[in-house]
Amino acid sequence: MSSATGTGDNEVTILARVFDDERGLLRPALARSIVDVEFSARDKARMHDLAVRNQADTLTPAEKEELHAFAKAGTLLGILKSKARRTLNITPERHTNS
């Protein structure tokens, strides 16, 4: 079944568009706030634990759903941060191995 727009959008891309203006940019104040948003240390630790145990195939079905939810939330956060950087003309940092 195709979506009404025919683009195959999911909840992440639809919600990300809620914050867009007609040019696909965010309001500057919102963009500045989003750039600073991070998962908490507790959530990062939980994601790491779930990821490690997923590799060992020891997650319960509920934990697999939780890991999937973290992935969706991370995807949405990544999209919003990208839009925020574009709005503010910020070049993302490049991580290099020295």
PDB file of N, CA and C in Angstrom:
ATOM      1  N   MET A   1       0.848  -1.175   0.000  1.00  0.00           N
ATOM      2  CA  MET A   1       0.000   0.000   0.000  1.00  0.00           C
ATOM      3  C   MET A   1       0.889   1.232   0.000  1.00  0.00           C
ATOM      4  N   SER A   2       0.638   2.176  -0.866  1.00  0.00           N
ATOM      5  CA  SER A   2       1.457   3.386  -0.947  1.00  0.00           C
ATOM      6  C   SER A   2       0.828   4.489  -0.113  1.00  0.00           C
ATOM      7  N   SER A   3       1.643   5.463   0.243  1.00  0.00           N
ATOM      8  CA  SER A   3       1.141   6.589   1.026  1.00  0.00           C
ATOM      9  C   SER A   3       0.360   7.536   0.130  1.00  0.00           C
ATOM     10  N   ALA A   4      -0.365   8.446   0.747  1.00  0.00           N
ATOM     11  CA  ALA A   4      -1.182   9.400   0.001  1.00  0.00           C
ATOM     12  C   ALA A   4      -0.324  10.291  -0.884  1.00  0.00           C
ATOM     13  N   THR A   5       0.902  10.577  -0.457  1.00  0.00           N
ATOM     14  CA  THR A   5       1.776  11.432  -1.258  1.00  0.00           C
ATOM     15  C   THR A   5       2.591  10.624  -2.236  1.00  0.00           C
ATOM     16  N   GLY A   6       2.592   9.305  -2.068  1.00  0.00           N
ATOM     17  CA  GLY A   6       3.348   8.453  -2.979  1.00  0.00           C
ATOM     18  C   GLY A   6       4.833   8.444  -2.717  1.00  0.00           C
ATOM     19  N   THR A   7       5.266   9.001  -1.576  1.00  0.00           N
ATOM     20  CA  THR A   7       6.693   9.075  -1.297  1.00  0.00           C
ATOM     21  C   THR A   7       7.179   7.992  -0.354  1.00  0.00           C
ATOM     22  N   GLY A   8       6.273   7.231   0.240  1.00  0.00           N
ATOM     23  CA  GLY A   8       6.677   6.193   1.174  1.00  0.00           C
ATOM     24  C   GLY A   8       7.192   6.749   2.489  1.00  0.00           C
ATOM     25  N   ASP A   9       6.760   7.948   2.862  1.00  0.00           N
ATOM     26  CA  ASP A   9       7.217   8.569   4.101  1.00  0.00           C
ATOM     27  C   ASP A   9       6.805   7.738   5.309  1.00  0.00           C
ATOM     28  N   ASN A  10       7.638   7.813   6.358  1.00  0.00           N
ATOM     29  CA  ASN A  10       7.293   7.172   7.620  1.00  0.00           C
ATOM     30  C   ASN A  10       7.124   8.252   8.677  1.00  0.00           C
ATOM     31  N   GLU A  11       6.823   7.827   9.910  1.00  0.00           N
ATOM     32  CA  GLU A  11       6.555   8.800  10.969  1.00  0.00           C
ATOM     33  C   GLU A  11       7.745   9.709  11.254  1.00  0.00           C
ATOM     34  N   VAL A  12       8.947   9.222  11.064  1.00  0.00           N
ATOM     35  CA  VAL A  12      10.137  10.028  11.322  1.00  0.00           C
ATOM     36  C   VAL A  12      10.236  11.180  10.329  1.00  0.00           C
ATOM     37  N   THR A  13      10.113  10.893   9.041  1.00  0.00           N
ATOM     38  CA  THR A  13      10.239  11.959   8.038  1.00  0.00           C
ATOM     39  C   THR A  13       9.040  12.908   8.081  1.00  0.00           C
ATOM     40  N   ILE A  14       7.871  12.379   8.389  1.00  0.00           N
ATOM     41  CA  ILE A  14       6.691  13.246   8.489  1.00  0.00           C
ATOM     42  C   ILE A  14       6.850  14.210   9.652  1.00  0.00           C
ATOM     43  N   LEU A  15       7.247  13.705  10.818  1.00  0.00           N
ATOM     44  CA  LEU A  15       7.413  14.569  11.980  1.00  0.00           C
ATOM     45  C   LEU A  15       8.529  15.580  11.759  1.00  0.00           C
ATOM     46  N   ALA A  16       9.592  15.180  11.124  1.00  0.00           N
ATOM     47  CA  ALA A  16      10.686  16.117  10.847  1.00  0.00           C
ATOM     48  C   ALA A  16      10.193  17.284  10.006  1.00  0.00           C
ATOM     49  N   ARG A  17       9.276  17.009   9.075  1.00  0.00           N
ATOM     50  CA  ARG A  17       8.735  18.086   8.232  1.00  0.00           C
ATOM     51  C   ARG A  17       7.842  19.041   8.995  1.00  0.00           C
ATOM     52  N   VAL A  18       7.290  18.610  10.128  1.00  0.00           N
ATOM     53  CA  VAL A  18       6.426  19.481  10.924  1.00  0.00           C
ATOM     54  C   VAL A  18       7.170  20.756  11.317  1.00  0.00           C
ATOM     55  N   PHE A  19       8.475  20.632  11.536  1.00  0.00           N
ATOM     56  CA  PHE A  19       9.272  21.758  11.997  1.00  0.00           C
ATOM     57  C   PHE A  19       9.812  22.628  10.866  1.00  0.00           C
ATOM     58  N   ASP A  20       9.658  22.193   9.629  1.00  0.00           N
ATOM     59  CA  ASP A  20      10.206  22.918   8.476  1.00  0.00           C
ATOM     60  C   ASP A  20       9.403  24.166   8.143  1.00  0.00           C
ATOM     61  N   ASP A  21      10.094  25.134   7.549  1.00  0.00           N
ATOM     62  CA  ASP A  21       9.392  26.235   6.892  1.00  0.00           C
ATOM     63  C   ASP A  21       9.286  25.873   5.412  1.00  0.00           C
ATOM     64  N   GLU A  22       8.821  26.778   4.612  1.00  0.00           N
ATOM     65  CA  GLU A  22       8.617  26.486   3.187  1.00  0.00           C
ATOM     66  C   GLU A  22       9.921  26.214   2.444  1.00  0.00           C
ATOM     67  N   ARG A  23      11.063  26.610   3.019  1.00  0.00           N
ATOM     68  CA  ARG A  23      12.366  26.351   2.400  1.00  0.00           C
ATOM     69  C   ARG A  23      13.025  25.084   2.939  1.00  0.00           C
ATOM     70  N   GLY A  24      12.338  24.378   3.853  1.00  0.00           N
ATOM     71  CA  GLY A  24      12.913  23.176   4.435  1.00  0.00           C
ATOM     72  C   GLY A  24      13.871  23.469   5.575  1.00  0.00           C
ATOM     73  N   LEU A  25      13.817  24.688   6.109  1.00  0.00           N
ATOM     74  CA  LEU A  25      14.688  25.085   7.217  1.00  0.00           C
ATOM     75  C   LEU A  25      13.872  25.206   8.494  1.00  0.00           C
ATOM     76  N   LEU A  26      14.562  25.223   9.619  1.00  0.00           N
ATOM     77  CA  LEU A  26      13.923  25.391  10.918  1.00  0.00           C
ATOM     78  C   LEU A  26      13.953  26.849  11.337  1.00  0.00           C
ATOM     79  N   ARG A  27      13.084  27.205  12.282  1.00  0.00           N
ATOM     80  CA  ARG A  27      13.195  28.544  12.866  1.00  0.00           C
ATOM     81  C   ARG A  27      14.547  28.615  13.574  1.00  0.00           C
ATOM     82  N   PRO A  28      15.285  29.723  13.444  1.00  0.00           N
ATOM     83  CA  PRO A  28      16.636  29.806  14.019  1.00  0.00           C
ATOM     84  C   PRO A  28      16.707  29.471  15.507  1.00  0.00           C
ATOM     85  N   ALA A  29      15.773  29.949  16.311  1.00  0.00           N
ATOM     86  CA  ALA A  29      15.805  29.658  17.752  1.00  0.00           C
ATOM     87  C   ALA A  29      15.637  28.163  18.002  1.00  0.00           C
ATOM     88  N   LEU A  30      14.755  27.535  17.263  1.00  0.00           N
ATOM     89  CA  LEU A  30      14.552  26.093  17.383  1.00  0.00           C
ATOM     90  C   LEU A  30      15.804  25.351  16.933  1.00  0.00           C
ATOM     91  N   ALA A  31      16.401  25.805  15.845  1.00  0.00           N
ATOM     92  CA  ALA A  31      17.611  25.164  15.327  1.00  0.00           C
ATOM     93  C   ALA A  31      18.730  25.214  16.349  1.00  0.00           C
ATOM     94  N   ARG A  32      18.906  26.357  17.007  1.00  0.00           N
ATOM     95  CA  ARG A  32      19.962  26.484  18.024  1.00  0.00           C
ATOM     96  C   ARG A  32      19.725  25.516  19.178  1.00  0.00           C
ATOM     97  N   SER A  33      18.482  25.323  19.560  1.00  0.00           N
ATOM     98  CA  SER A  33      18.161  24.383  20.641  1.00  0.00           C
ATOM     99  C   SER A  33      18.428  22.943  20.226  1.00  0.00           C
ATOM    100  N   ILE A  34      18.045  22.586  19.022  1.00  0.00           N
ATOM    101  CA  ILE A  34      18.188  21.209  18.553  1.00  0.00           C
ATOM    102  C   ILE A  34      19.654  20.811  18.423  1.00  0.00           C
ATOM    103  N   VAL A  35      20.499  21.736  17.998  1.00  0.00           N
ATOM    104  CA  VAL A  35      21.925  21.425  17.837  1.00  0.00           C
ATOM    105  C   VAL A  35      22.521  20.906  19.145  1.00  0.00           C
ATOM    106  N   ASP A  36      22.026  21.393  20.263  1.00  0.00           N
ATOM    107  CA  ASP A  36      22.581  21.015  21.564  1.00  0.00           C
ATOM    108  C   ASP A  36      21.934  19.778  22.186  1.00  0.00           C
ATOM    109  N   VAL A  37      20.905  19.232  21.570  1.00  0.00           N
ATOM    110  CA  VAL A  37      20.195  18.080  22.138  1.00  0.00           C
ATOM    111  C   VAL A  37      21.026  16.809  21.973  1.00  0.00           C
ATOM    112  N   GLU A  38      21.124  16.040  23.039  1.00  0.00           N
ATOM    113  CA  GLU A  38      21.852  14.762  23.042  1.00  0.00           C
ATOM    114  C   GLU A  38      21.059  13.760  23.864  1.00  0.00           C
ATOM    115  N   PHE A  39      21.283  12.484  23.611  1.00  0.00           N
ATOM    116  CA  PHE A  39      20.752  11.461  24.504  1.00  0.00           C
ATOM    117  C   PHE A  39      21.452  11.591  25.846  1.00  0.00           C
ATOM    118  N   SER A  40      20.740  11.277  26.923  1.00  0.00           N
ATOM    119  CA  SER A  40      21.348  11.314  28.253  1.00  0.00           C
ATOM    120  C   SER A  40      22.376  10.190  28.377  1.00  0.00           C
ATOM    121  N   ALA A  41      23.250  10.325  29.367  1.00  0.00           N
ATOM    122  CA  ALA A  41      24.241   9.273  29.621  1.00  0.00           C
ATOM    123  C   ALA A  41      23.544   7.957  29.937  1.00  0.00           C
ATOM    124  N   ARG A  42      22.451   8.037  30.650  1.00  0.00           N
ATOM    125  CA  ARG A  42      21.679   6.827  30.989  1.00  0.00           C
ATOM    126  C   ARG A  42      21.154   6.150  29.724  1.00  0.00           C
ATOM    127  N   ASP A  43      20.589   6.936  28.818  1.00  0.00           N
ATOM    128  CA  ASP A  43      20.075   6.362  27.571  1.00  0.00           C
ATOM    129  C   ASP A  43      21.202   5.809  26.707  1.00  0.00           C
ATOM    130  N   LYS A  44      22.333   6.497  26.658  1.00  0.00           N
ATOM    131  CA  LYS A  44      23.477   6.000  25.888  1.00  0.00           C
ATOM    132  C   LYS A  44      23.952   4.661  26.435  1.00  0.00           C
ATOM    133  N   ALA A  45      23.990   4.551  27.758  1.00  0.00           N
ATOM    134  CA  ALA A  45      24.404   3.286  28.378  1.00  0.00           C
ATOM    135  C   ALA A  45      23.398   2.184  28.072  1.00  0.00           C
ATOM    136  N   ARG A  46      22.123   2.513  28.109  1.00  0.00           N
ATOM    137  CA  ARG A  46      21.088   1.522  27.817  1.00  0.00           C
ATOM    138  C   ARG A  46      21.186   1.068  26.363  1.00  0.00           C
ATOM    139  N   MET A  47      21.376   2.013  25.440  1.00  0.00           N
ATOM    140  CA  MET A  47      21.508   1.649  24.026  1.00  0.00           C
ATOM    141  C   MET A  47      22.715   0.746  23.814  1.00  0.00           C
ATOM    142  N   HIS A  48      23.817   1.058  24.471  1.00  0.00           N
ATOM    143  CA  HIS A  48      25.022   0.238  24.342  1.00  0.00           C
ATOM    144  C   HIS A  48      24.762  -1.180  24.850  1.00  0.00           C
ATOM    145  N   ASP A  49      24.130  -1.280  26.014  1.00  0.00           N
ATOM    146  CA  ASP A  49      23.815  -2.587  26.579  1.00  0.00           C
ATOM    147  C   ASP A  49      22.921  -3.390  25.634  1.00  0.00           C
ATOM    148  N   LEU A  50      21.887  -2.751  25.121  1.00  0.00           N
ATOM    149  CA  LEU A  50      20.978  -3.446  24.201  1.00  0.00           C
ATOM    150  C   LEU A  50      21.703  -3.868  22.925  1.00  0.00           C
ATOM    151  N   ALA A  51      22.559  -3.002  22.398  1.00  0.00           N
ATOM    152  CA  ALA A  51      23.278  -3.312  21.159  1.00  0.00           C
ATOM    153  C   ALA A  51      24.220  -4.493  21.350  1.00  0.00           C
ATOM    154  N   VAL A  52      24.935  -4.501  22.469  1.00  0.00           N
ATOM    155  CA  VAL A  52      25.869  -5.597  22.744  1.00  0.00           C
ATOM    156  C   VAL A  52      25.104  -6.907  22.896  1.00  0.00           C
ATOM    157  N   ARG A  53      24.031  -6.863  23.657  1.00  0.00           N
ATOM    158  CA  ARG A  53      23.260  -8.087  23.872  1.00  0.00           C
ATOM    159  C   ARG A  53      22.506  -8.511  22.612  1.00  0.00           C
ATOM    160  N   ASN A  54      22.187  -7.567  21.749  1.00  0.00           N
ATOM    161  CA  ASN A  54      21.559  -7.914  20.470  1.00  0.00           C
ATOM    162  C   ASN A  54      22.541  -8.688  19.590  1.00  0.00           C
ATOM    163  N   GLN A  55      23.808  -8.269  19.609  1.00  0.00           N
ATOM    164  CA  GLN A  55      24.833  -8.983  18.834  1.00  0.00           C
ATOM    165  C   GLN A  55      25.006 -10.417  19.333  1.00  0.00           C
ATOM    166  N   ALA A  56      24.765 -10.621  20.617  1.00  0.00           N
ATOM    167  CA  ALA A  56      24.859 -11.963  21.198  1.00  0.00           C
ATOM    168  C   ALA A  56      23.532 -12.713  21.088  1.00  0.00           C
ATOM    169  N   ASP A  57      22.536 -12.060  20.488  1.00  0.00           N
ATOM    170  CA  ASP A  57      21.205 -12.641  20.290  1.00  0.00           C
ATOM    171  C   ASP A  57      20.561 -13.068  21.608  1.00  0.00           C
ATOM    172  N   THR A  58      20.664 -12.193  22.631  1.00  0.00           N
ATOM    173  CA  THR A  58      20.095 -12.517  23.935  1.00  0.00           C
ATOM    174  C   THR A  58      19.002 -11.545  24.383  1.00  0.00           C
ATOM    175  N   LEU A  59      18.486 -10.734  23.461  1.00  0.00           N
ATOM    176  CA  LEU A  59      17.435  -9.784  23.829  1.00  0.00           C
ATOM    177  C   LEU A  59      16.073 -10.464  23.876  1.00  0.00           C
ATOM    178  N   THR A  60      15.239  -9.998  24.794  1.00  0.00           N
ATOM    179  CA  THR A  60      13.846 -10.427  24.820  1.00  0.00           C
ATOM    180  C   THR A  60      13.111  -9.684  23.706  1.00  0.00           C
ATOM    181  N   PRO A  61      11.924 -10.133  23.335  1.00  0.00           N
ATOM    182  CA  PRO A  61      11.157  -9.386  22.331  1.00  0.00           C
ATOM    183  C   PRO A  61      10.915  -7.929  22.743  1.00  0.00           C
ATOM    184  N   ALA A  62      10.645  -7.687  24.014  1.00  0.00           N
ATOM    185  CA  ALA A  62      10.422  -6.310  24.479  1.00  0.00           C
ATOM    186  C   ALA A  62      11.694  -5.473  24.342  1.00  0.00           C
ATOM    187  N   GLU A  63      12.837  -6.079  24.628  1.00  0.00           N
ATOM    188  CA  GLU A  63      14.103  -5.353  24.490  1.00  0.00           C
ATOM    189  C   GLU A  63      14.414  -5.073  23.023  1.00  0.00           C
ATOM    190  N   LYS A  64      14.052  -5.980  22.132  1.00  0.00           N
ATOM    191  CA  LYS A  64      14.237  -5.727  20.699  1.00  0.00           C
ATOM    192  C   LYS A  64      13.391  -4.546  20.260  1.00  0.00           C
ATOM    193  N   GLU A  65      12.168  -4.457  20.773  1.00  0.00           N
ATOM    194  CA  GLU A  65      11.310  -3.308  20.458  1.00  0.00           C
ATOM    195  C   GLU A  65      11.918  -2.016  21.008  1.00  0.00           C
ATOM    196  N   GLU A  66      12.480  -2.086  22.223  1.00  0.00           N
ATOM    197  CA  GLU A  66      13.114  -0.916  22.815  1.00  0.00           C
ATOM    198  C   GLU A  66      14.315  -0.465  21.985  1.00  0.00           C
ATOM    199  N   LEU A  67      15.130  -1.411  21.539  1.00  0.00           N
ATOM    200  CA  LEU A  67      16.277  -1.082  20.699  1.00  0.00           C
ATOM    201  C   LEU A  67      15.816  -0.436  19.396  1.00  0.00           C
ATOM    202  N   HIS A  68      14.758  -0.975  18.815  1.00  0.00           N
ATOM    203  CA  HIS A  68      14.199  -0.404  17.583  1.00  0.00           C
ATOM    204  C   HIS A  68      13.691   1.023  17.844  1.00  0.00           C
ATOM    205  N   ALA A  69      13.061   1.243  18.995  1.00  0.00           N
ATOM    206  CA  ALA A  69      12.568   2.581  19.344  1.00  0.00           C
ATOM    207  C   ALA A  69      13.719   3.571  19.489  1.00  0.00           C
ATOM    208  N   PHE A  70      14.814   3.134  20.122  1.00  0.00           N
ATOM    209  CA  PHE A  70      15.995   3.999  20.225  1.00  0.00           C
ATOM    210  C   PHE A  70      16.537   4.333  18.834  1.00  0.00           C
ATOM    211  N   ALA A  71      16.530   3.345  17.940  1.00  0.00           N
ATOM    212  CA  ALA A  71      17.023   3.586  16.576  1.00  0.00           C
ATOM    213  C   ALA A  71      16.164   4.617  15.866  1.00  0.00           C
ATOM    214  N   LYS A  72      14.847   4.502  15.997  1.00  0.00           N
ATOM    215  CA  LYS A  72      13.945   5.479  15.371  1.00  0.00           C
ATOM    216  C   LYS A  72      14.153   6.869  15.960  1.00  0.00           C
ATOM    217  N   ALA A  73      14.273   6.936  17.289  1.00  0.00           N
ATOM    218  CA  ALA A  73      14.489   8.231  17.934  1.00  0.00           C
ATOM    219  C   ALA A  73      15.816   8.836  17.485  1.00  0.00           C
ATOM    220  N   GLY A  74      16.841   8.013  17.370  1.00  0.00           N
ATOM    221  CA  GLY A  74      18.133   8.493  16.898  1.00  0.00           C
ATOM    222  C   GLY A  74      18.083   8.986  15.468  1.00  0.00           C
ATOM    223  N   THR A  75      17.312   8.298  14.647  1.00  0.00           N
ATOM    224  CA  THR A  75      17.147   8.727  13.256  1.00  0.00           C
ATOM    225  C   THR A  75      16.467  10.085  13.194  1.00  0.00           C
ATOM    226  N   LEU A  76      15.392  10.244  13.960  1.00  0.00           N
ATOM    227  CA  LEU A  76      14.694  11.520  13.987  1.00  0.00           C
ATOM    228  C   LEU A  76      15.604  12.625  14.501  1.00  0.00           C
ATOM    229  N   LEU A  77      16.344  12.347  15.570  1.00  0.00           N
ATOM    230  CA  LEU A  77      17.259  13.349  16.106  1.00  0.00           C
ATOM    231  C   LEU A  77      18.325  13.712  15.074  1.00  0.00           C
ATOM    232  N   GLY A  78      18.831  12.732  14.365  1.00  0.00           N
ATOM    233  CA  GLY A  78      19.829  13.006  13.329  1.00  0.00           C
ATOM    234  C   GLY A  78      19.289  13.884  12.215  1.00  0.00           C
ATOM    235  N   ILE A  79      18.061  13.613  11.791  1.00  0.00           N
ATOM    236  CA  ILE A  79      17.429  14.434  10.749  1.00  0.00           C
ATOM    237  C   ILE A  79      17.255  15.864  11.242  1.00  0.00           C
ATOM    238  N   LEU A  80      16.741  16.005  12.459  1.00  0.00           N
ATOM    239  CA  LEU A  80      16.518  17.347  12.999  1.00  0.00           C
ATOM    240  C   LEU A  80      17.833  18.099  13.203  1.00  0.00           C
ATOM    241  N   LYS A  81      18.873  17.412  13.671  1.00  0.00           N
ATOM    242  CA  LYS A  81      20.179  18.067  13.838  1.00  0.00           C
ATOM    243  C   LYS A  81      20.747  18.497  12.484  1.00  0.00           C
ATOM    244  N   SER A  82      20.566  17.673  11.476  1.00  0.00           N
ATOM    245  CA  SER A  82      21.036  18.029  10.140  1.00  0.00           C
ATOM    246  C   SER A  82      20.318  19.281   9.640  1.00  0.00           C
ATOM    247  N   LYS A  83      19.018  19.315   9.830  1.00  0.00           N
ATOM    248  CA  LYS A  83      18.245  20.500   9.429  1.00  0.00           C
ATOM    249  C   LYS A  83      18.677  21.722  10.228  1.00  0.00           C
ATOM    250  N   ALA A  84      18.948  21.525  11.506  1.00  0.00           N
ATOM    251  CA  ALA A  84      19.372  22.638  12.355  1.00  0.00           C
ATOM    252  C   ALA A  84      20.716  23.189  11.886  1.00  0.00           C
ATOM    253  N   ARG A  85      21.651  22.291  11.589  1.00  0.00           N
ATOM    254  CA  ARG A  85      22.966  22.744  11.099  1.00  0.00           C
ATOM    255  C   ARG A  85      22.815  23.470   9.767  1.00  0.00           C
ATOM    256  N   ARG A  86      21.960  22.951   8.894  1.00  0.00           N
ATOM    257  CA  ARG A  86      21.748  23.605   7.602  1.00  0.00           C
ATOM    258  C   ARG A  86      21.135  24.989   7.799  1.00  0.00           C
ATOM    259  N   THR A  87      20.172  25.093   8.706  1.00  0.00           N
ATOM    260  CA  THR A  87      19.544  26.378   8.993  1.00  0.00           C
ATOM    261  C   THR A  87      20.561  27.392   9.478  1.00  0.00           C
ATOM    262  N   LEU A  88      21.468  26.941  10.352  1.00  0.00           N
ATOM    263  CA  LEU A  88      22.448  27.838  10.975  1.00  0.00           C
ATOM    264  C   LEU A  88      23.762  27.911  10.208  1.00  0.00           C
ATOM    265  N   ASN A  89      23.830  27.249   9.064  1.00  0.00           N
ATOM    266  CA  ASN A  89      25.056  27.202   8.256  1.00  0.00           C
ATOM    267  C   ASN A  89      26.250  26.691   9.049  1.00  0.00           C
ATOM    268  N   ILE A  90      26.027  25.623   9.807  1.00  0.00           N
ATOM    269  CA  ILE A  90      27.088  24.991  10.594  1.00  0.00           C
ATOM    270  C   ILE A  90      27.561  23.761   9.831  1.00  0.00           C
ATOM    271  N   THR A  91      28.867  23.662   9.644  1.00  0.00           N
ATOM    272  CA  THR A  91      29.450  22.486   9.005  1.00  0.00           C
ATOM    273  C   THR A  91      29.635  21.416  10.076  1.00  0.00           C
ATOM    274  N   PRO A  92      29.123  20.203   9.838  1.00  0.00           N
ATOM    275  CA  PRO A  92      29.291  19.163  10.854  1.00  0.00           C
ATOM    276  C   PRO A  92      30.765  18.828  11.059  1.00  0.00           C
ATOM    277  N   GLU A  93      31.094  18.507  12.302  1.00  0.00           N
ATOM    278  CA  GLU A  93      32.478  18.141  12.616  1.00  0.00           C
ATOM    279  C   GLU A  93      32.799  16.821  11.954  1.00  0.00           C
ATOM    280  N   ARG A  94      33.993  16.714  11.434  1.00  0.00           N
ATOM    281  CA  ARG A  94      34.461  15.473  10.835  1.00  0.00           C
ATOM    282  C   ARG A  94      35.348  14.780  11.864  1.00  0.00           C
ATOM    283  N   HIS A  95      35.048  13.539  12.142  1.00  0.00           N
ATOM    284  CA  HIS A  95      35.857  12.765  13.084  1.00  0.00           C
ATOM    285  C   HIS A  95      36.910  12.024  12.293  1.00  0.00           C
ATOM    286  N   THR A  96      38.158  12.251  12.661  1.00  0.00           N
ATOM    287  CA  THR A  96      39.247  11.572  11.970  1.00  0.00           C
ATOM    288  C   THR A  96      40.042  10.756  12.963  1.00  0.00           C
ATOM    289  N   ASN A  97      40.620   9.704  12.484  1.00  0.00           N
ATOM    290  CA  ASN A  97      41.505   8.892  13.317  1.00  0.00           C
ATOM    291  C   ASN A  97      42.928   9.401  13.127  1.00  0.00           C
ATOM    292  N   SER A  98      43.539   9.828  14.198  1.00  0.00           N
ATOM    293  CA  SER A  98      44.904  10.363  14.117  1.00  0.00           C
ATOM    294  C   SER A  98      45.906   9.314  14.498  1.00  0.00           C
TER     295      SER A  98
END
